Structures are given as structure tokens and as C-alpha cells.
Amino acid sequence: MCARSPTLIAMRKTVREAARATRRLAPAAVLSFGSYLFITVLLIGAIGAVSVVAIGLLPETVLLVRRIAGAKRRMVAAWTGQEIPEAYQPVEGTVRERVRTVVRDPGTFTDLRWMVAYYAYGCLPYLAIPLWPLGLLVDGVWCGLLRREAVVLPLIGRLADLDAKWSTALLKPSPKAELAVRVEELTETRAGAIAAHGAELRRIERDLHDGTQARLVSLSMRIGLAKRAYDRDPEAARRLLDDAQDQAEEALTELRHVVRGIHPPILTDRGLAGAVRALAASSGLDVAVTVDGLEDADSERDGARAPAAVEAAAYFVVAESLTNAAKHSGAERAEVGLVRTGKGLWVTVRDGGRGGADEAGGSGLLGMQRRVAALDGTLRLTSPAGGPTVIEVELPCVW
């Protein structure tokens, strides 16, 4: 019995792996059967595609193919642990525009190529059915009596691997499709960056017009009154000059505020880590800041700081997030994390407030998204009802 124990353990392991592969192949078999039916209907529809009505149904047919291909991508990802990216152009507009989009989209050809090939290799999952009784019989004798490794049941796992390998090769977007999607993303981020830039210019213009310009006009008037009153009433002229000095100091303060909104000087002086710590200290919340891999501005180590645009975007995200948390979340504490990664900068802001933040609910989150997207970064918001609210931002950069 002791001599057989390792063999029995290996047999149990083989059966478990075969069962896991079978669970993976079962939905693939269902999808394969559905694909056979769909391809048959598709061929019948292609014959009638000469009619206007059939052509009008083409976009909906392609969208259905996309959903089928997406289901296969998810199955493969569940088995291999590696995602297969999608690269599709959005199907929008009139019927003519939608037809033109699906016809010109390289992803359409990729999906159709996979579906035609799947018509041939989609039978792989069905081969697992006869392998089970054969494997239990052959491997039971092979492992139990002859104490050898199983030879039949492992074939089920190889079928799953082969199905995943072929599907990955066929469903992987072509370079042309990835380029088209990338161009679309850059067009959207460029539009967002332009919108954010325009909004920033309008804010600066409003601040200068309503604040600084008004104070400078008042300052000029007071100096003029002081000049006219200097000979007649020196005391009144002195009071006017004192008021003018106060106006000048207030105008300087507002100018510093405007400049700080464009690019905070503290970023240049103390770097991102120091600037965020100063921001946390002046916040109305109890903010804990953790920094990993970033150095202060006075560090002499090369590559210690991110590019200025990345630092400014990260600072803006932290400032806006803490402001929103103080105003709307009802939280008393917040946490800010700055992590230097191999590919960029990772920023996390978390508060324990009431949650329920909506990306489309205000201009603050929209402004953060635009700033991050302009640098080809990503922003993720998690804010369930009851909290906590977590904002995660990844900004790519070269250190």
C-alpha cells in the first residue's frame, strides 16, 4: 500500500486537473455549438445582403459577433490568466455611417476570421467526452497496476490549452486595429485636454478680471486722489496712500493665488512629496501621507523627480480630491499615497466619508479625468454608498 500511495496521489491530481479542464471546455462547447448555428444563419443572411434591408442589419450582426468574440476572450482569459485586448471602433451615427464603420473596422475582419476558424477547431471541447471513460479505464490500469504516469486524462488539459492558444492567436487585435483605437483615444484625450486648457484660461481670466484687475483699478484711483489732495490736505493724501498700499498687497496676494493655480511654486521648491505634505497640513481633514520611492526636491540623486507636467497633474488630483472630501464626504480623515513605479507615478487618495461620488456629478472629477487623460494616464473612482471613496491615478512617465 505504501508503494502505491504516490501513484494514487498522482492519479487524483490528474483527475482533478482533467476535471478543471473539462469545466473550462464545457462553456467552450456551448459557444462552439452556438457558433455553428450563428455561422449558418450568417451565411444565409450574406446571400441576401444585396438587399437594402439586409445591409441595414449588418451593424447589428457585427455587434452580435463582437459579443460572441468577447465571450470567447473572457473564457480564454479565465483559463490562461492573460487578457486578450479588444480593439473596436464605436458603431454610432446613421445607418450608412454604422455600415461604413463596421465594414472598415479591422476588428470586424479579425472576429470573422476567428469565427470561420472556430467552425473548424470548435470541435475540440467535444473530444473530451470520449477521453473521460477511456482515461479512467486506461490511466486507472496504467497508474494503479503499472505505477506509471497518466497518459489519457492529461490530453483533456492539452485540448483546453490548444483551444486557448488558437483563440488567442486569432482574436488578438491586428496592429492596424490597435492603431485605429489608439488614434481614437488620442483624439478624445486631445479634445479633453483642449477643453481643460480652455476652462483653465477662462478661470485665470475671471480671477484676473474680477479680482486683481478690480483692485489695480482701485489702486490707480486712490493714487490719483492722493496726488490731487497732497497740496490741500496732506493727511487725507497720506490716508489714501495707506489704502493704496493695502490694495497693492491684496492685489499681490491674488496674483500669487492665480499663479499657484497655474503651477504651484511649492512644486518647484519642494517637489511633489513636499508639496503634497504641505497641502495635507493645510487641509481641513486629518490627512496621512505615505511616500514610496519619491525624493524631495533637494535630493541630488538623478531621476528622483517626475516631469513637471506629471507632478502638476498629481498635485491637482490630490488638491481637488481633498477639497471634495472636505466639502462633500463628511469625512474627518483621509489618506494620500504617492508611489513611484517602474512605468510612472501612482497616486491614491482615500477618505472614509459617506461615499456615493459620481464621475459625472461635478466639474471637479471631470477636470481630474481630463488632466490625467491628457498625459495618457488612467483614473479609477470607487465610491460605494456608505464609503469609502478611493481615487486611484496612474500617470506614466520616464524617470
Protein backbone atom coordinates (compact mmCIF):
# COMPACT_ATOMS: atom_id res chain seq x y z
CA MET A 1 0.00 0.00 0.00
CA CYS A 2 2.81 2.39 0.78
CA ALA A 3 4.37 1.83 -2.61
CA ARG A 4 1.12 2.70 -4.32
CA SER A 5 0.45 5.91 -2.38
CA PRO A 6 2.50 8.26 -4.61
CA THR A 7 0.85 6.76 -7.69
CA LEU A 8 -2.63 7.18 -6.25
CA ILE A 9 -1.83 10.77 -5.29
CA ALA A 10 -0.62 11.46 -8.84
CA MET A 11 -3.79 9.85 -10.24
CA ARG A 12 -6.02 12.01 -8.05
CA LYS A 13 -4.12 15.08 -9.16
CA THR A 14 -4.51 14.08 -12.79
CA VAL A 15 -8.26 13.57 -12.37
CA ARG A 16 -8.61 16.97 -10.69
CA GLU A 17 -6.70 18.70 -13.49
CA ALA A 18 -8.78 16.90 -16.11
CA ALA A 19 -11.96 17.94 -14.30
CA ARG A 20 -10.77 21.54 -14.23
CA ALA A 21 -10.01 21.42 -17.95
CA THR A 22 -13.43 19.89 -18.59
CA ARG A 23 -15.11 22.73 -16.71
CA ARG A 24 -13.18 25.10 -18.96
CA LEU A 25 -14.16 23.22 -22.12
CA ALA A 26 -17.86 22.91 -21.24
CA PRO A 27 -18.77 26.56 -21.92
CA ALA A 28 -16.48 26.45 -24.96
CA ALA A 29 -18.54 23.55 -26.29
CA VAL A 30 -21.75 25.53 -25.77
CA LEU A 31 -20.21 28.52 -27.52
CA SER A 32 -19.00 26.30 -30.33
CA PHE A 33 -22.49 24.87 -30.86
CA GLY A 34 -23.96 28.38 -30.87
CA SER A 35 -21.29 29.50 -33.33
CA TYR A 36 -22.21 26.70 -35.72
CA LEU A 37 -25.82 27.86 -35.70
CA PHE A 38 -24.86 31.51 -35.98
CA ILE A 39 -22.46 30.97 -38.87
CA THR A 40 -25.17 29.07 -40.73
CA VAL A 41 -27.60 31.93 -40.22
CA LEU A 42 -24.86 34.40 -41.14
CA LEU A 43 -24.21 32.65 -44.44
CA ILE A 44 -27.90 32.68 -45.25
CA GLY A 45 -28.01 36.38 -44.40
CA ALA A 46 -24.93 37.07 -46.52
CA ILE A 47 -26.72 35.66 -49.55
CA GLY A 48 -29.46 38.22 -49.08
CA ALA A 49 -27.08 41.06 -48.33
CA VAL A 50 -27.73 42.53 -51.76
CA SER A 51 -30.95 44.00 -50.43
CA VAL A 52 -31.05 47.30 -48.60
CA VAL A 53 -32.79 45.75 -45.60
CA ALA A 54 -30.11 43.09 -45.18
CA ILE A 55 -27.35 45.68 -45.42
CA GLY A 56 -29.11 47.72 -42.75
CA LEU A 57 -28.92 44.71 -40.42
CA LEU A 58 -25.16 44.39 -40.94
CA PRO A 59 -24.12 46.63 -38.00
CA GLU A 60 -26.32 44.68 -35.57
CA THR A 61 -24.92 41.41 -36.88
CA VAL A 62 -21.35 42.65 -36.38
CA LEU A 63 -22.19 43.81 -32.85
CA LEU A 64 -23.51 40.32 -32.10
CA VAL A 65 -20.28 38.83 -33.46
CA ARG A 66 -18.35 41.17 -31.16
CA ARG A 67 -20.29 39.90 -28.15
CA ILE A 68 -19.62 36.28 -29.12
CA ALA A 69 -15.91 37.03 -29.59
CA GLY A 70 -15.89 38.88 -26.29
CA ALA A 71 -17.33 35.84 -24.54
CA LYS A 72 -14.55 33.71 -26.02
CA ARG A 73 -11.92 36.24 -24.91
CA ARG A 74 -13.22 36.04 -21.35
CA MET A 75 -13.15 32.24 -21.42
CA VAL A 76 -9.55 32.23 -22.62
CA ALA A 77 -8.56 34.81 -20.00
CA ALA A 78 -10.14 32.69 -17.26
CA TRP A 79 -8.07 29.68 -18.35
CA THR A 80 -4.74 31.34 -19.14
CA GLY A 81 -4.86 34.32 -16.80
CA GLN A 82 -3.97 36.69 -19.66
CA GLU A 83 -6.42 39.17 -21.09
CA ILE A 84 -6.94 39.41 -24.85
CA PRO A 85 -7.43 43.10 -25.63
CA GLU A 86 -10.30 44.35 -27.75
CA ALA A 87 -9.83 46.94 -30.47
CA TYR A 88 -13.12 48.05 -31.99
CA GLN A 89 -14.30 51.29 -33.47
CA PRO A 90 -17.56 52.56 -31.90
CA VAL A 91 -20.63 51.90 -34.05
CA GLU A 92 -22.59 55.16 -33.94
CA GLY A 93 -24.47 57.55 -36.18
CA THR A 94 -26.83 56.92 -39.05
CA VAL A 95 -27.33 53.57 -40.74
CA ARG A 96 -24.92 54.50 -43.50
CA GLU A 97 -22.27 55.62 -41.00
CA ARG A 98 -22.72 52.47 -38.94
CA VAL A 99 -22.37 50.26 -42.03
CA ARG A 100 -19.28 52.16 -43.13
CA THR A 101 -17.75 51.80 -39.66
CA VAL A 102 -18.22 48.04 -39.35
CA VAL A 103 -17.02 47.45 -42.92
CA ARG A 104 -13.85 49.47 -42.43
CA ASP A 105 -13.13 48.35 -38.87
CA PRO A 106 -10.16 45.90 -38.85
CA GLY A 107 -11.68 44.28 -35.78
CA THR A 108 -14.59 43.05 -37.89
CA PHE A 109 -12.23 41.05 -40.10
CA THR A 110 -10.43 39.69 -37.04
CA ASP A 111 -13.67 38.43 -35.49
CA LEU A 112 -14.95 36.93 -38.74
CA ARG A 113 -11.61 35.21 -39.30
CA TRP A 114 -11.78 33.71 -35.82
CA MET A 115 -15.39 32.63 -36.29
CA VAL A 116 -14.62 30.85 -39.56
CA ALA A 117 -11.61 29.12 -37.97
CA TYR A 118 -13.67 28.27 -34.90
CA TYR A 119 -16.06 26.49 -37.20
CA ALA A 120 -13.20 24.03 -37.74
CA TYR A 121 -11.47 23.78 -34.33
CA GLY A 122 -14.59 24.34 -32.26
CA CYS A 123 -14.97 20.57 -32.04
CA LEU A 124 -12.02 20.32 -29.65
CA PRO A 125 -14.20 20.53 -26.49
CA TYR A 126 -16.30 17.58 -27.70
CA LEU A 127 -13.20 15.38 -27.85
CA ALA A 128 -13.07 15.48 -24.05
CA ILE A 129 -16.27 13.42 -23.83
CA PRO A 130 -14.80 10.10 -25.05
CA LEU A 131 -11.49 10.80 -23.29
CA TRP A 132 -13.09 10.57 -19.83
CA PRO A 133 -14.22 6.91 -19.88
CA LEU A 134 -11.16 5.94 -21.88
CA GLY A 135 -8.87 7.81 -19.49
CA LEU A 136 -10.43 6.39 -16.35
CA LEU A 137 -10.00 2.89 -17.75
CA VAL A 138 -6.55 3.19 -19.32
CA ASP A 139 -4.99 5.51 -16.74
CA GLY A 140 -6.56 3.53 -13.91
CA VAL A 141 -4.73 0.42 -15.07
CA TRP A 142 -1.64 2.33 -16.22
CA CYS A 143 -1.22 4.18 -12.92
CA GLY A 144 -2.76 1.70 -10.49
CA LEU A 145 -1.11 -1.51 -11.69
CA LEU A 146 1.93 -0.41 -13.65
CA ARG A 147 2.64 2.67 -11.49
CA ARG A 148 3.21 4.92 -14.48
CA GLU A 149 2.13 8.48 -15.18
CA ALA A 150 -1.32 9.02 -16.70
CA VAL A 151 -1.36 9.37 -20.47
CA VAL A 152 -5.01 9.87 -21.50
CA LEU A 153 -6.61 12.21 -18.98
CA PRO A 154 -3.85 14.85 -19.38
CA LEU A 155 -4.95 15.14 -23.00
CA ILE A 156 -8.08 16.97 -21.81
CA GLY A 157 -5.91 19.76 -20.39
CA ARG A 158 -3.93 19.87 -23.61
CA LEU A 159 -7.18 20.28 -25.55
CA ALA A 160 -8.03 23.29 -23.37
CA ASP A 161 -4.53 24.69 -23.87
CA LEU A 162 -4.75 24.22 -27.63
CA ASP A 163 -8.17 25.84 -27.81
CA ALA A 164 -6.89 28.82 -25.79
CA LYS A 165 -3.71 29.10 -27.87
CA TRP A 166 -5.52 29.15 -31.20
CA SER A 167 -8.20 31.53 -29.91
CA THR A 168 -5.57 33.92 -28.57
CA ALA A 169 -3.72 33.96 -31.88
CA LEU A 170 -6.91 34.57 -33.87
CA LEU A 171 -8.64 37.07 -31.55
CA LYS A 172 -5.60 39.22 -30.83
CA PRO A 173 -6.18 42.63 -32.49
CA SER A 174 -4.10 43.40 -35.54
CA PRO A 175 -1.59 46.28 -35.36
CA LYS A 176 -3.88 48.25 -37.68
CA ALA A 177 -6.83 47.79 -35.33
CA GLU A 178 -4.79 48.76 -32.29
CA LEU A 179 -3.53 51.82 -34.13
CA ALA A 180 -7.08 52.84 -35.04
CA VAL A 181 -8.21 52.52 -31.43
CA ARG A 182 -5.15 54.41 -30.25
CA VAL A 183 -5.87 57.24 -32.67
CA GLU A 184 -9.45 57.37 -31.38
CA GLU A 185 -8.23 57.53 -27.78
CA LEU A 186 -5.72 60.26 -28.58
CA THR A 187 -8.42 62.24 -30.37
CA GLU A 188 -10.64 62.07 -27.30
CA THR A 189 -7.85 62.90 -24.86
CA ARG A 190 -6.72 65.76 -27.10
CA ALA A 191 -10.25 67.17 -27.11
CA GLY A 192 -10.38 66.77 -23.34
CA ALA A 193 -7.00 68.47 -22.92
CA ILE A 194 -8.12 71.36 -25.11
CA ALA A 195 -11.34 71.68 -23.10
CA ALA A 196 -9.41 71.61 -19.83
CA HIS A 197 -6.96 74.19 -21.16
CA GLY A 198 -9.83 76.43 -22.24
CA ALA A 199 -11.52 76.10 -18.86
CA GLU A 200 -8.24 76.95 -17.12
CA LEU A 201 -7.77 80.04 -19.30
CA ARG A 202 -11.32 81.17 -18.52
CA ARG A 203 -10.69 80.68 -14.81
CA ILE A 204 -7.49 82.72 -14.96
CA GLU A 205 -9.23 85.44 -16.97
CA ARG A 206 -12.13 85.51 -14.48
CA ASP A 207 -9.80 85.69 -11.49
CA LEU A 208 -7.75 88.47 -13.06
CA HIS A 209 -10.80 90.42 -14.20
CA ASP A 210 -12.94 90.10 -11.08
CA GLY A 211 -10.18 90.25 -8.52
CA THR A 212 -6.75 91.55 -9.43
CA GLN A 213 -7.85 93.95 -12.17
CA ALA A 214 -10.52 95.50 -9.95
CA ARG A 215 -8.00 96.05 -7.16
CA LEU A 216 -5.45 97.56 -9.54
CA VAL A 217 -8.11 99.97 -10.86
CA SER A 218 -8.99 100.94 -7.30
CA LEU A 219 -5.29 101.35 -6.53
CA SER A 220 -4.81 103.67 -9.51
CA MET A 221 -7.81 105.77 -8.47
CA ARG A 222 -6.57 106.13 -4.89
CA ILE A 223 -3.11 107.18 -6.04
CA GLY A 224 -4.72 109.77 -8.34
CA LEU A 225 -6.87 111.12 -5.50
CA ALA A 226 -3.82 111.23 -3.22
CA LYS A 227 -1.88 113.26 -5.80
CA ARG A 228 -4.71 115.81 -6.10
CA ALA A 229 -5.17 116.06 -2.33
CA TYR A 230 -1.48 116.22 -1.49
CA ASP A 231 -1.20 120.06 -1.58
CA ARG A 232 -4.59 120.82 0.01
CA ASP A 233 -4.83 118.08 2.66
CA PRO A 234 -1.60 116.10 3.29
CA GLU A 235 -3.28 113.95 5.98
CA ALA A 236 -6.02 112.83 3.60
CA ALA A 237 -3.42 112.13 0.93
CA ARG A 238 -1.46 110.03 3.44
CA ARG A 239 -4.58 108.00 4.30
CA LEU A 240 -5.26 107.44 0.62
CA LEU A 241 -1.68 106.27 0.11
CA ASP A 242 -2.03 103.87 3.06
CA ASP A 243 -5.19 102.47 1.47
CA ALA A 244 -3.38 102.20 -1.86
CA GLN A 245 -0.60 100.23 -0.19
CA ASP A 246 -3.16 97.81 1.28
CA GLN A 247 -4.76 97.46 -2.15
CA ALA A 248 -1.38 96.70 -3.70
CA GLU A 249 -0.67 93.99 -1.11
CA GLU A 250 -4.08 92.43 -1.68
CA ALA A 251 -3.53 92.53 -5.45
CA LEU A 252 -0.17 90.77 -4.99
CA THR A 253 -1.85 88.11 -2.85
CA GLU A 254 -4.46 87.46 -5.51
CA LEU A 255 -1.80 87.31 -8.22
CA ARG A 256 0.07 84.68 -6.21
CA HIS A 257 -3.19 82.73 -5.94
CA VAL A 258 -3.67 82.86 -9.71
CA VAL A 259 -0.07 81.79 -10.35
CA ARG A 260 -0.42 78.98 -7.80
CA GLY A 261 -3.40 77.65 -9.79
CA ILE A 262 -1.29 77.52 -12.98
CA HIS A 263 1.74 75.80 -11.47
CA PRO A 264 2.20 75.88 -7.70
CA PRO A 265 5.63 77.32 -6.87
CA ILE A 266 5.91 74.87 -3.99
CA LEU A 267 6.23 72.08 -6.55
CA THR A 268 9.38 73.70 -7.90
CA ASP A 269 10.73 74.48 -4.46
CA ARG A 270 9.96 71.27 -2.56
CA GLY A 271 8.98 68.66 -5.13
CA LEU A 272 5.78 66.63 -5.25
CA ALA A 273 6.27 64.87 -1.91
CA GLY A 274 6.90 68.10 -0.02
CA ALA A 275 4.10 69.93 -1.84
CA VAL A 276 1.56 67.21 -1.01
CA ARG A 277 2.65 67.19 2.63
CA ALA A 278 2.13 70.97 2.76
CA LEU A 279 -1.24 70.52 1.08
CA ALA A 280 -2.23 67.90 3.65
CA ALA A 281 -1.14 70.13 6.52
CA SER A 282 -3.35 72.98 5.29
CA SER A 283 -6.36 70.74 4.64
CA GLY A 284 -9.40 70.76 6.87
CA LEU A 285 -9.04 66.99 7.25
CA ASP A 286 -6.60 64.88 9.22
CA VAL A 287 -4.54 63.65 6.26
CA ALA A 288 -1.90 60.91 6.42
CA VAL A 289 0.62 60.98 3.56
CA THR A 290 2.73 57.97 2.58
CA VAL A 291 5.51 58.29 0.03
CA ASP A 292 7.34 55.38 -1.58
CA GLY A 293 10.26 55.88 -3.96
CA LEU A 294 9.99 59.65 -4.35
CA GLU A 295 12.63 62.06 -3.16
CA ASP A 296 12.36 65.66 -2.11
CA ALA A 297 13.46 68.42 -4.46
CA ASP A 298 16.79 68.94 -2.71
CA SER A 299 17.86 65.37 -3.46
CA GLU A 300 20.88 65.17 -5.72
CA ARG A 301 20.08 61.69 -6.95
CA ASP A 302 19.46 61.62 -10.69
CA GLY A 303 15.95 60.79 -11.78
CA ALA A 304 14.47 61.49 -8.34
CA ARG A 305 11.59 63.59 -9.67
CA ALA A 306 8.88 63.08 -12.23
CA PRO A 307 8.47 65.54 -15.13
CA ALA A 308 6.90 68.87 -14.22
CA ALA A 309 3.63 68.12 -16.06
CA VAL A 310 3.23 64.83 -14.18
CA GLU A 311 3.92 66.47 -10.83
CA ALA A 312 1.42 69.24 -11.59
CA ALA A 313 -1.28 66.73 -12.57
CA ALA A 314 -0.67 64.63 -9.44
CA TYR A 315 -0.75 67.73 -7.23
CA PHE A 316 -4.00 68.86 -8.85
CA VAL A 317 -5.59 65.43 -8.30
CA VAL A 318 -4.63 65.42 -4.61
CA ALA A 319 -5.75 69.02 -4.08
CA GLU A 320 -9.10 68.51 -5.82
CA SER A 321 -9.72 65.18 -4.07
CA LEU A 322 -9.04 66.59 -0.60
CA THR A 323 -11.21 69.64 -1.36
CA ASN A 324 -14.10 67.43 -2.49
CA ALA A 325 -13.67 65.19 0.56
CA ALA A 326 -13.73 68.16 2.94
CA LYS A 327 -16.80 69.70 1.26
CA HIS A 328 -18.99 66.73 0.42
CA SER A 329 -17.91 63.46 2.06
CA GLY A 330 -18.35 64.31 5.74
CA ALA A 331 -15.08 62.52 6.48
CA GLU A 332 -12.67 63.56 9.19
CA ARG A 333 -9.64 61.64 7.94
CA ALA A 334 -8.07 60.98 4.57
CA GLU A 335 -5.08 59.09 3.25
CA VAL A 336 -2.82 60.06 0.36
CA GLY A 337 -0.33 57.70 -1.22
CA LEU A 338 2.43 58.53 -3.71
CA VAL A 339 4.27 55.56 -5.17
CA ARG A 340 6.99 55.57 -7.78
CA THR A 341 6.63 52.57 -10.09
CA GLY A 342 8.78 51.30 -12.92
CA LYS A 343 6.46 52.84 -15.50
CA GLY A 344 5.29 56.02 -13.81
CA LEU A 345 3.64 57.51 -10.75
CA TRP A 346 0.77 56.01 -8.76
CA VAL A 347 -1.44 58.36 -6.72
CA THR A 348 -4.11 57.19 -4.28
CA VAL A 349 -6.50 59.37 -2.27
CA ARG A 350 -8.86 57.67 0.18
CA ASP A 351 -11.41 59.11 2.58
CA GLY A 352 -13.80 57.37 4.94
CA GLY A 353 -16.79 59.57 4.19
CA ARG A 354 -20.32 58.74 3.09
CA GLY A 355 -19.30 57.77 -0.46
CA GLY A 356 -21.63 57.97 -3.43
CA ALA A 357 -19.33 60.13 -5.55
CA ASP A 358 -20.27 60.16 -9.23
CA GLU A 359 -17.80 60.76 -12.06
CA ALA A 360 -20.49 62.67 -13.98
CA GLY A 361 -21.76 64.57 -10.97
CA GLY A 362 -19.43 67.57 -10.97
CA SER A 363 -16.73 69.51 -12.77
CA GLY A 364 -14.04 68.57 -10.25
CA LEU A 365 -13.85 64.90 -11.20
CA LEU A 366 -14.23 65.77 -14.88
CA GLY A 367 -11.31 68.18 -14.60
CA MET A 368 -9.17 65.50 -12.96
CA GLN A 369 -10.06 63.00 -15.68
CA ARG A 370 -9.11 65.46 -18.41
CA ARG A 371 -5.78 66.34 -16.82
CA VAL A 372 -4.90 62.69 -16.31
CA ALA A 373 -6.06 61.64 -19.80
CA ALA A 374 -4.00 64.43 -21.37
CA LEU A 375 -0.89 62.68 -20.01
CA ASP A 376 -2.13 59.27 -21.21
CA GLY A 377 -2.88 58.26 -17.64
CA THR A 378 -5.82 56.45 -16.07
CA LEU A 379 -8.17 57.44 -13.25
CA ARG A 380 -10.35 54.99 -11.31
CA LEU A 381 -13.02 56.05 -8.85
CA THR A 382 -14.52 53.67 -6.28
CA SER A 383 -17.20 55.22 -4.10
CA PRO A 384 -19.95 52.88 -2.90
CA ALA A 385 -22.77 54.24 -0.79
CA GLY A 386 -21.52 54.45 2.78
CA GLY A 387 -17.91 54.83 1.66
CA PRO A 388 -15.03 54.75 1.46
CA THR A 389 -14.21 56.84 -1.59
CA VAL A 390 -10.96 55.86 -3.29
CA ILE A 391 -9.41 57.67 -6.25
CA GLU A 392 -6.54 55.87 -7.96
CA VAL A 393 -4.49 57.60 -10.64
CA GLU A 394 -1.69 56.15 -12.72
CA LEU A 395 0.49 58.64 -14.61
CA PRO A 396 3.03 57.15 -16.99
CA CYS A 397 6.44 58.82 -17.16
CA VAL A 398 10.12 58.12 -17.67
CA TRP A 399 12.29 58.51 -14.56
